[in-house]
C-alpha cells in the first residue's frame, strides 16, 4: 500500500471567454467561502480547541505544521501553473512493503471509519487546517484581484489539496496505529465500536457548536488568574 500522496491530480476547470461558470461542487463551494476574497482569520487555536469534539480520544495524529505549510506551497504553485516538480507536496509516510503491516493499516483505516475518527479528522482539517493553509496562500496571491473564474480555479485546487491532506494525515495515523496493534486487536475494536451509540456520539462531536470549549477556556483562564493572584498576594 503506497501512502506517498501528491497534489499532482488537481480538479481541471475549463473556462472559455464569455462562457458561464459551471456550478461548483459542494467542497469547492465551501472553499470559495473560506477564500472570502480577503483571507480567513488564522489565529492560533484556543487552549481547549477540539475538546468537546473528542479530539483527545482519537488516535495520535502527527503534528500537521509541515503538512500544512507544504500543502499551502503546493496550492500556490499549482495555481500559478508551475509543474508538479516545482510544487512542494505534503510529506507522506513511506510505502508499506510488509504485507502484514499493510493489512493492519487497511484495518486501522476501516476502524477509523467505524469509530468516527475518519469523520472527525476530515472535519478538523476542513475547519482548522485549511484556514491556516489559505492564510498562507493569501501571502502569495491577492484574492481581491482574482476574477470569478480564477477564484473558482483556486478554490478547486484548494479543495483537492484538502482531500489529499486528509488522506495523508489519516494514512500516517493509521500506520502509527497499525504498528502498535495486532490484527485481532483491530478487529476487536471494529466490532466494539460498530454501534448506533458510537455513531450518535460521532454526530454529536461533528455538530458541536463550540460552547463547551468556550466555557472550558474561560475556566482555564480564571484558574490561571487565580494562581497568579494568590501567588502575588503571598498566599
C-alpha atoms as a PDB file:
ATOM      1  CA  UNK A   1       0.000   0.000   0.000  1.00  0.00           C
ATOM      2  CA  UNK A   2       1.594   3.258  -1.123  1.00  0.00           C
ATOM      3  CA  UNK A   3       0.827   6.245   1.086  1.00  0.00           C
ATOM      4  CA  UNK A   4       3.017   8.709  -0.803  1.00  0.00           C
ATOM      5  CA  UNK A   5       0.383  11.202  -1.833  1.00  0.00           C
ATOM      6  CA  UNK A   6       0.981  14.165  -4.128  1.00  0.00           C
ATOM      7  CA  UNK A   7      -1.018  17.155  -5.246  1.00  0.00           C
ATOM      8  CA  UNK A   8      -0.398  16.425  -8.920  1.00  0.00           C
ATOM      9  CA  UNK A   9      -4.012  15.433  -9.587  1.00  0.00           C
ATOM     10  CA  UNK A  10      -5.949  18.711  -9.467  1.00  0.00           C
ATOM     11  CA  UNK A  11      -9.538  19.395 -10.470  1.00  0.00           C
ATOM     12  CA  UNK A  12      -9.455  20.661 -14.054  1.00  0.00           C
ATOM     13  CA  UNK A  13     -11.807  23.599 -14.625  1.00  0.00           C
ATOM     14  CA  UNK A  14     -12.189  24.769 -18.222  1.00  0.00           C
ATOM     15  CA  UNK A  15     -13.073  28.394 -18.876  1.00  0.00           C
ATOM     16  CA  UNK A  16     -13.857  29.970 -22.239  1.00  0.00           C
ATOM     17  CA  UNK A  17     -14.258  33.670 -22.938  1.00  0.00           C
ATOM     18  CA  UNK A  18     -17.727  34.894 -22.153  1.00  0.00           C
ATOM     19  CA  UNK A  19     -18.970  31.462 -21.035  1.00  0.00           C
ATOM     20  CA  UNK A  20     -20.806  30.880 -17.749  1.00  0.00           C
ATOM     21  CA  UNK A  21     -19.014  29.118 -14.927  1.00  0.00           C
ATOM     22  CA  UNK A  22     -20.441  25.706 -14.079  1.00  0.00           C
ATOM     23  CA  UNK A  23     -21.899  25.250 -10.609  1.00  0.00           C
ATOM     24  CA  UNK A  24     -19.051  24.247  -8.279  1.00  0.00           C
ATOM     25  CA  UNK A  25     -19.066  21.007  -6.332  1.00  0.00           C
ATOM     26  CA  UNK A  26     -20.027  21.245  -2.631  1.00  0.00           C
ATOM     27  CA  UNK A  27     -16.419  21.077  -1.432  1.00  0.00           C
ATOM     28  CA  UNK A  28     -15.385  23.769  -3.902  1.00  0.00           C
ATOM     29  CA  UNK A  29     -18.295  25.968  -2.766  1.00  0.00           C
ATOM     30  CA  UNK A  30     -17.081  25.513   0.802  1.00  0.00           C
ATOM     31  CA  UNK A  31     -13.577  26.503  -0.243  1.00  0.00           C
ATOM     32  CA  UNK A  32     -14.890  29.575  -2.058  1.00  0.00           C
ATOM     33  CA  UNK A  33     -16.442  30.651   1.228  1.00  0.00           C
ATOM     34  CA  UNK A  34     -13.117  30.148   3.015  1.00  0.00           C
ATOM     35  CA  UNK A  35     -11.276  32.235   0.428  1.00  0.00           C
ATOM     36  CA  UNK A  36     -13.729  35.109   1.089  1.00  0.00           C
ATOM     37  CA  UNK A  37     -11.585  37.456  -1.026  1.00  0.00           C
ATOM     38  CA  UNK A  38      -9.668  38.755   1.976  1.00  0.00           C
ATOM     39  CA  UNK A  39      -8.237  35.665   3.588  1.00  0.00           C
ATOM     40  CA  UNK A  40      -9.500  33.904   6.720  1.00  0.00           C
ATOM     41  CA  UNK A  41      -8.775  34.547  10.345  1.00  0.00           C
ATOM     42  CA  UNK A  42      -5.855  32.249  11.092  1.00  0.00           C
ATOM     43  CA  UNK A  43      -5.330  32.988  14.767  1.00  0.00           C
ATOM     44  CA  UNK A  44      -3.933  30.209  16.900  1.00  0.00           C
ATOM     45  CA  UNK A  45      -6.468  27.804  18.337  1.00  0.00           C
ATOM     46  CA  UNK A  46      -7.541  28.314  21.923  1.00  0.00           C
ATOM     47  CA  UNK A  47      -6.260  26.027  24.665  1.00  0.00           C
ATOM     48  CA  UNK A  48      -9.413  23.933  24.584  1.00  0.00           C
ATOM     49  CA  UNK A  49      -9.960  23.801  20.812  1.00  0.00           C
ATOM     50  CA  UNK A  50     -11.451  20.467  19.861  1.00  0.00           C
ATOM     51  CA  UNK A  51     -12.006  19.371  23.458  1.00  0.00           C
ATOM     52  CA  UNK A  52     -15.742  18.810  23.223  1.00  0.00           C
ATOM     53  CA  UNK A  53     -15.358  17.337  19.733  1.00  0.00           C
ATOM     54  CA  UNK A  54     -13.439  14.474  21.308  1.00  0.00           C
ATOM     55  CA  UNK A  55     -10.171  15.116  19.507  1.00  0.00           C
ATOM     56  CA  UNK A  56      -8.264  13.821  22.511  1.00  0.00           C
ATOM     57  CA  UNK A  57      -9.965  10.455  22.121  1.00  0.00           C
ATOM     58  CA  UNK A  58      -8.760   9.972  18.570  1.00  0.00           C
ATOM     59  CA  UNK A  59      -5.587   8.016  17.711  1.00  0.00           C
ATOM     60  CA  UNK A  60      -2.426  10.173  17.757  1.00  0.00           C
ATOM     61  CA  UNK A  61      -2.205  12.450  14.724  1.00  0.00           C
ATOM     62  CA  UNK A  62       1.233  13.680  13.585  1.00  0.00           C
ATOM     63  CA  UNK A  63       1.915  17.389  14.098  1.00  0.00           C
ATOM     64  CA  UNK A  64       0.485  18.912  10.914  1.00  0.00           C
ATOM     65  CA  UNK A  65       2.715  22.003  10.657  1.00  0.00           C
ATOM     66  CA  UNK A  66       4.895  20.626   7.846  1.00  0.00           C
ATOM     67  CA  UNK A  67       1.892  19.173   6.028  1.00  0.00           C
ATOM     68  CA  UNK A  68       0.044  22.473   6.336  1.00  0.00           C
ATOM     69  CA  UNK A  69       2.952  24.579   5.099  1.00  0.00           C
ATOM     70  CA  UNK A  70       3.800  22.273   2.200  1.00  0.00           C
ATOM     71  CA  UNK A  71       0.168  21.982   1.158  1.00  0.00           C
ATOM     72  CA  UNK A  72      -0.064  25.783   1.010  1.00  0.00           C
ATOM     73  CA  UNK A  73       3.089  25.912  -1.117  1.00  0.00           C
ATOM     74  CA  UNK A  74       1.665  23.279  -3.454  1.00  0.00           C
ATOM     75  CA  UNK A  75      -1.677  25.076  -3.805  1.00  0.00           C
ATOM     76  CA  UNK A  76       0.139  28.296  -4.693  1.00  0.00           C
ATOM     77  CA  UNK A  77       2.453  26.551  -7.155  1.00  0.00           C
ATOM     78  CA  UNK A  78      -0.374  24.707  -8.903  1.00  0.00           C
ATOM     79  CA  UNK A  79      -2.472  27.875  -9.132  1.00  0.00           C
ATOM     80  CA  UNK A  80       0.486  29.655 -10.735  1.00  0.00           C
ATOM     81  CA  UNK A  81       0.747  26.790 -13.257  1.00  0.00           C
ATOM     82  CA  UNK A  82       4.124  25.637 -12.058  1.00  0.00           C
ATOM     83  CA  UNK A  83       4.959  21.994 -12.676  1.00  0.00           C
ATOM     84  CA  UNK A  84       4.423  19.296 -10.081  1.00  0.00           C
ATOM     85  CA  UNK A  85       8.207  19.077  -9.606  1.00  0.00           C
ATOM     86  CA  UNK A  86       8.252  22.726  -8.581  1.00  0.00           C
ATOM     87  CA  UNK A  87       5.371  22.298  -6.154  1.00  0.00           C
ATOM     88  CA  UNK A  88       6.103  21.083  -2.665  1.00  0.00           C
ATOM     89  CA  UNK A  89       3.872  18.150  -1.781  1.00  0.00           C
ATOM     90  CA  UNK A  90       2.896  17.095   1.743  1.00  0.00           C
ATOM     91  CA  UNK A  91       5.355  14.740   3.345  1.00  0.00           C
ATOM     92  CA  UNK A  92       3.861  11.256   3.465  1.00  0.00           C
ATOM     93  CA  UNK A  93       4.969   8.097   5.167  1.00  0.00           C
ATOM     94  CA  UNK A  94       6.979   5.628   3.149  1.00  0.00           C
ATOM     95  CA  UNK A  95       5.207   2.923   1.190  1.00  0.00           C
ATOM     96  CA  UNK A  96       4.306  -0.035   3.373  1.00  0.00           C
ATOM     97  CA  UNK A  97       6.098  -3.037   1.922  1.00  0.00           C
ATOM     98  CA  UNK A  98       5.305  -5.509   4.710  1.00  0.00           C
ATOM     99  CA  UNK A  99       2.048  -7.257   3.644  1.00  0.00           C
ATOM    100  CA  UNK A 100       1.027  -7.929   7.265  1.00  0.00           C
ATOM    101  CA  UNK A 101       1.555  -4.284   8.212  1.00  0.00           C
ATOM    102  CA  UNK A 102      -0.261  -3.123   5.068  1.00  0.00           C
ATOM    103  CA  UNK A 103      -3.230  -5.281   6.060  1.00  0.00           C
ATOM    104  CA  UNK A 104      -3.283  -3.754   9.541  1.00  0.00           C
ATOM    105  CA  UNK A 105      -3.078  -0.253   8.055  1.00  0.00           C
ATOM    106  CA  UNK A 106      -6.161  -1.067   6.000  1.00  0.00           C
ATOM    107  CA  UNK A 107      -7.907  -2.375   9.111  1.00  0.00           C
ATOM    108  CA  UNK A 108      -6.932   0.770  11.014  1.00  0.00           C
ATOM    109  CA  UNK A 109      -8.473   2.927   8.262  1.00  0.00           C
ATOM    110  CA  UNK A 110     -11.635   0.795   8.484  1.00  0.00           C
ATOM    111  CA  UNK A 111     -11.626   1.228  12.263  1.00  0.00           C
ATOM    112  CA  UNK A 112     -11.371   4.994  11.841  1.00  0.00           C
ATOM    113  CA  UNK A 113     -14.500   4.952   9.666  1.00  0.00           C
ATOM    114  CA  UNK A 114     -16.353   2.875  12.262  1.00  0.00           C
ATOM    115  CA  UNK A 115     -15.349   4.787  15.402  1.00  0.00           C
ATOM    116  CA  UNK A 116     -15.724   8.253  13.865  1.00  0.00           C
ATOM    117  CA  UNK A 117     -12.034   9.167  13.729  1.00  0.00           C
ATOM    118  CA  UNK A 118     -12.152   9.475   9.922  1.00  0.00           C
ATOM    119  CA  UNK A 119     -15.040  11.954  10.025  1.00  0.00           C
ATOM    120  CA  UNK A 120     -13.546  13.934  12.922  1.00  0.00           C
ATOM    121  CA  UNK A 121     -10.126  14.297  11.305  1.00  0.00           C
ATOM    122  CA  UNK A 122     -11.658  15.379   7.993  1.00  0.00           C
ATOM    123  CA  UNK A 123     -13.825  17.891   9.870  1.00  0.00           C
ATOM    124  CA  UNK A 124     -10.791  19.258  11.733  1.00  0.00           C
ATOM    125  CA  UNK A 125      -8.784  19.603   8.510  1.00  0.00           C
ATOM    126  CA  UNK A 126     -11.675  21.471   6.861  1.00  0.00           C
ATOM    127  CA  UNK A 127     -12.392  23.810   9.767  1.00  0.00           C
ATOM    128  CA  UNK A 128      -8.894  24.408  11.157  1.00  0.00           C
ATOM    129  CA  UNK A 129      -6.020  23.354   8.895  1.00  0.00           C
ATOM    130  CA  UNK A 130      -7.490  24.790   5.692  1.00  0.00           C
ATOM    131  CA  UNK A 131      -7.887  28.223   7.292  1.00  0.00           C
ATOM    132  CA  UNK A 132      -4.156  28.226   8.011  1.00  0.00           C
ATOM    133  CA  UNK A 133      -3.355  26.931   4.523  1.00  0.00           C
ATOM    134  CA  UNK A 134      -5.486  29.571   2.787  1.00  0.00           C
ATOM    135  CA  UNK A 135      -3.992  32.276   5.019  1.00  0.00           C
ATOM    136  CA  UNK A 136      -0.532  31.184   3.825  1.00  0.00           C
ATOM    137  CA  UNK A 137      -1.707  31.108   0.200  1.00  0.00           C
ATOM    138  CA  UNK A 138      -3.048  34.661   0.668  1.00  0.00           C
ATOM    139  CA  UNK A 139       0.509  35.820   1.338  1.00  0.00           C
ATOM    140  CA  UNK A 140       1.355  34.960  -2.286  1.00  0.00           C
ATOM    141  CA  UNK A 141      -1.951  35.528  -4.102  1.00  0.00           C
ATOM    142  CA  UNK A 142      -4.052  38.677  -3.751  1.00  0.00           C
ATOM    143  CA  UNK A 143      -7.601  37.308  -3.530  1.00  0.00           C
ATOM    144  CA  UNK A 144      -9.129  40.758  -4.072  1.00  0.00           C
ATOM    145  CA  UNK A 145      -7.674  40.882  -7.597  1.00  0.00           C
ATOM    146  CA  UNK A 146      -8.964  37.481  -8.709  1.00  0.00           C
ATOM    147  CA  UNK A 147     -11.628  37.173 -11.382  1.00  0.00           C
ATOM    148  CA  UNK A 148     -14.598  34.872 -10.759  1.00  0.00           C
ATOM    149  CA  UNK A 149     -13.015  32.156 -12.898  1.00  0.00           C
ATOM    150  CA  UNK A 150      -9.694  32.480 -11.058  1.00  0.00           C
ATOM    151  CA  UNK A 151     -11.477  32.259  -7.694  1.00  0.00           C
ATOM    152  CA  UNK A 152     -13.197  29.095  -8.860  1.00  0.00           C
ATOM    153  CA  UNK A 153      -9.937  27.605 -10.148  1.00  0.00           C
ATOM    154  CA  UNK A 154      -8.089  28.372  -6.901  1.00  0.00           C
ATOM    155  CA  UNK A 155     -10.982  27.019  -4.824  1.00  0.00           C
ATOM    156  CA  UNK A 156     -10.973  23.788  -6.843  1.00  0.00           C
ATOM    157  CA  UNK A 157      -7.219  23.362  -6.347  1.00  0.00           C
ATOM    158  CA  UNK A 158      -7.559  24.047  -2.615  1.00  0.00           C
ATOM    159  CA  UNK A 159     -10.492  21.634  -2.290  1.00  0.00           C
ATOM    160  CA  UNK A 160      -8.438  18.892  -3.909  1.00  0.00           C
ATOM    161  CA  UNK A 161      -5.500  19.747  -1.650  1.00  0.00           C
ATOM    162  CA  UNK A 162      -7.819  19.422   1.341  1.00  0.00           C
ATOM    163  CA  UNK A 163      -8.752  15.875   0.314  1.00  0.00           C
ATOM    164  CA  UNK A 164      -5.087  14.974  -0.210  1.00  0.00           C
ATOM    165  CA  UNK A 165      -4.181  16.371   3.209  1.00  0.00           C
ATOM    166  CA  UNK A 166      -6.998  14.466   4.906  1.00  0.00           C
ATOM    167  CA  UNK A 167      -5.837  11.213   3.319  1.00  0.00           C
ATOM    168  CA  UNK A 168      -2.232  11.934   4.217  1.00  0.00           C
ATOM    169  CA  UNK A 169      -2.992  12.530   7.896  1.00  0.00           C
ATOM    170  CA  UNK A 170      -5.307   9.517   8.082  1.00  0.00           C
ATOM    171  CA  UNK A 171      -2.694   7.262   6.470  1.00  0.00           C
ATOM    172  CA  UNK A 172       0.021   8.491   8.816  1.00  0.00           C
ATOM    173  CA  UNK A 173      -2.234   7.924  11.809  1.00  0.00           C
ATOM    174  CA  UNK A 174      -3.351   4.510  10.539  1.00  0.00           C
ATOM    175  CA  UNK A 175       0.269   3.457  10.071  1.00  0.00           C
ATOM    176  CA  UNK A 176       1.067   4.532  13.629  1.00  0.00           C
ATOM    177  CA  UNK A 177      -1.903   2.573  14.933  1.00  0.00           C
ATOM    178  CA  UNK A 178      -1.052  -0.500  12.841  1.00  0.00           C
ATOM    179  CA  UNK A 179       2.487  -0.547  14.207  1.00  0.00           C
ATOM    180  CA  UNK A 180       1.174  -0.638  17.775  1.00  0.00           C
ATOM    181  CA  UNK A 181      -1.728  -3.083  17.434  1.00  0.00           C
ATOM    182  CA  UNK A 182      -2.271  -6.641  16.228  1.00  0.00           C
ATOM    183  CA  UNK A 183      -4.853  -7.745  13.684  1.00  0.00           C
ATOM    184  CA  UNK A 184      -7.075  -9.401  16.341  1.00  0.00           C
ATOM    185  CA  UNK A 185      -6.980  -6.213  18.427  1.00  0.00           C
ATOM    186  CA  UNK A 186      -8.024  -4.057  15.473  1.00  0.00           C
ATOM    187  CA  UNK A 187     -10.845  -6.452  14.597  1.00  0.00           C
ATOM    188  CA  UNK A 188     -11.970  -6.450  18.228  1.00  0.00           C
ATOM    189  CA  UNK A 189     -12.142  -2.650  18.273  1.00  0.00           C
ATOM    190  CA  UNK A 190     -14.021  -2.542  14.973  1.00  0.00           C
ATOM    191  CA  UNK A 191     -16.667  -4.870  16.398  1.00  0.00           C
ATOM    192  CA  UNK A 192     -16.836  -2.914  19.672  1.00  0.00           C
ATOM    193  CA  UNK A 193     -17.303   0.496  18.031  1.00  0.00           C
ATOM    194  CA  UNK A 194     -19.705  -0.600  15.289  1.00  0.00           C
ATOM    195  CA  UNK A 195     -22.762   0.560  17.240  1.00  0.00           C
ATOM    196  CA  UNK A 196     -25.513   3.124  16.870  1.00  0.00           C
ATOM    197  CA  UNK A 197     -24.356   4.683  20.143  1.00  0.00           C
ATOM    198  CA  UNK A 198     -20.874   5.355  18.712  1.00  0.00           C
ATOM    199  CA  UNK A 199     -22.371   6.786  15.530  1.00  0.00           C
ATOM    200  CA  UNK A 200     -24.557   9.122  17.594  1.00  0.00           C
ATOM    201  CA  UNK A 201     -21.508  10.213  19.593  1.00  0.00           C
ATOM    202  CA  UNK A 202     -19.615  10.978  16.388  1.00  0.00           C
ATOM    203  CA  UNK A 203     -22.569  13.021  15.118  1.00  0.00           C
ATOM    204  CA  UNK A 204     -22.637  15.000  18.387  1.00  0.00           C
ATOM    205  CA  UNK A 205     -18.931  15.758  18.071  1.00  0.00           C
ATOM    206  CA  UNK A 206     -19.225  16.796  14.429  1.00  0.00           C
ATOM    207  CA  UNK A 207     -22.045  19.229  15.179  1.00  0.00           C
ATOM    208  CA  UNK A 208     -20.543  20.726  18.321  1.00  0.00           C
ATOM    209  CA  UNK A 209     -21.130  24.493  18.387  1.00  0.00           C
ATOM    210  CA  UNK A 210     -18.015  25.300  20.418  1.00  0.00           C
ATOM    211  CA  UNK A 211     -19.869  26.417  23.546  1.00  0.00           C
ATOM    212  CA  UNK A 212     -18.317  23.711  25.724  1.00  0.00           C
ATOM    213  CA  UNK A 213     -14.849  24.665  24.517  1.00  0.00           C
ATOM    214  CA  UNK A 214     -15.564  28.333  25.240  1.00  0.00           C
ATOM    215  CA  UNK A 215     -16.738  27.602  28.785  1.00  0.00           C
ATOM    216  CA  UNK A 216     -13.732  25.376  29.429  1.00  0.00           C
ATOM    217  CA  UNK A 217     -11.467  28.110  28.045  1.00  0.00           C
ATOM    218  CA  UNK A 218     -12.994  30.591  30.484  1.00  0.00           C
ATOM    219  CA  UNK A 219     -12.468  28.215  33.423  1.00  0.00           C
ATOM    220  CA  UNK A 220      -8.823  27.729  32.449  1.00  0.00           C
ATOM    221  CA  UNK A 221      -8.218  31.485  32.145  1.00  0.00           C
ATOM    222  CA  UNK A 222      -9.855  32.079  35.536  1.00  0.00           C
ATOM    223  CA  UNK A 223      -7.719  29.360  37.122  1.00  0.00           C
ATOM    224  CA  UNK A 224      -4.591  30.956  35.669  1.00  0.00           C
ATOM    225  CA  UNK A 225      -5.659  34.347  37.050  1.00  0.00           C
ATOM    226  CA  UNK A 226      -6.383  32.892  40.499  1.00  0.00           C
ATOM    227  CA  UNK A 227      -2.971  31.179  40.667  1.00  0.00           C
ATOM    228  CA  UNK A 228      -1.134  34.395  39.768  1.00  0.00           C
ATOM    229  CA  UNK A 229      -3.292  36.476  42.125  1.00  0.00           C
ATOM    230  CA  UNK A 230      -2.766  34.129  45.081  1.00  0.00           C
ATOM    231  CA  UNK A 231       0.967  33.904  44.431  1.00  0.00           C
ATOM    232  CA  UNK A 232       1.379  37.692  44.234  1.00  0.00           C
ATOM    233  CA  UNK A 233      -0.662  38.177  47.421  1.00  0.00           C
ATOM    234  CA  UNK A 234       1.652  35.816  49.305  1.00  0.00           C
ATOM    235  CA  UNK A 235      -0.913  33.056  49.859  1.00  0.00           C
END
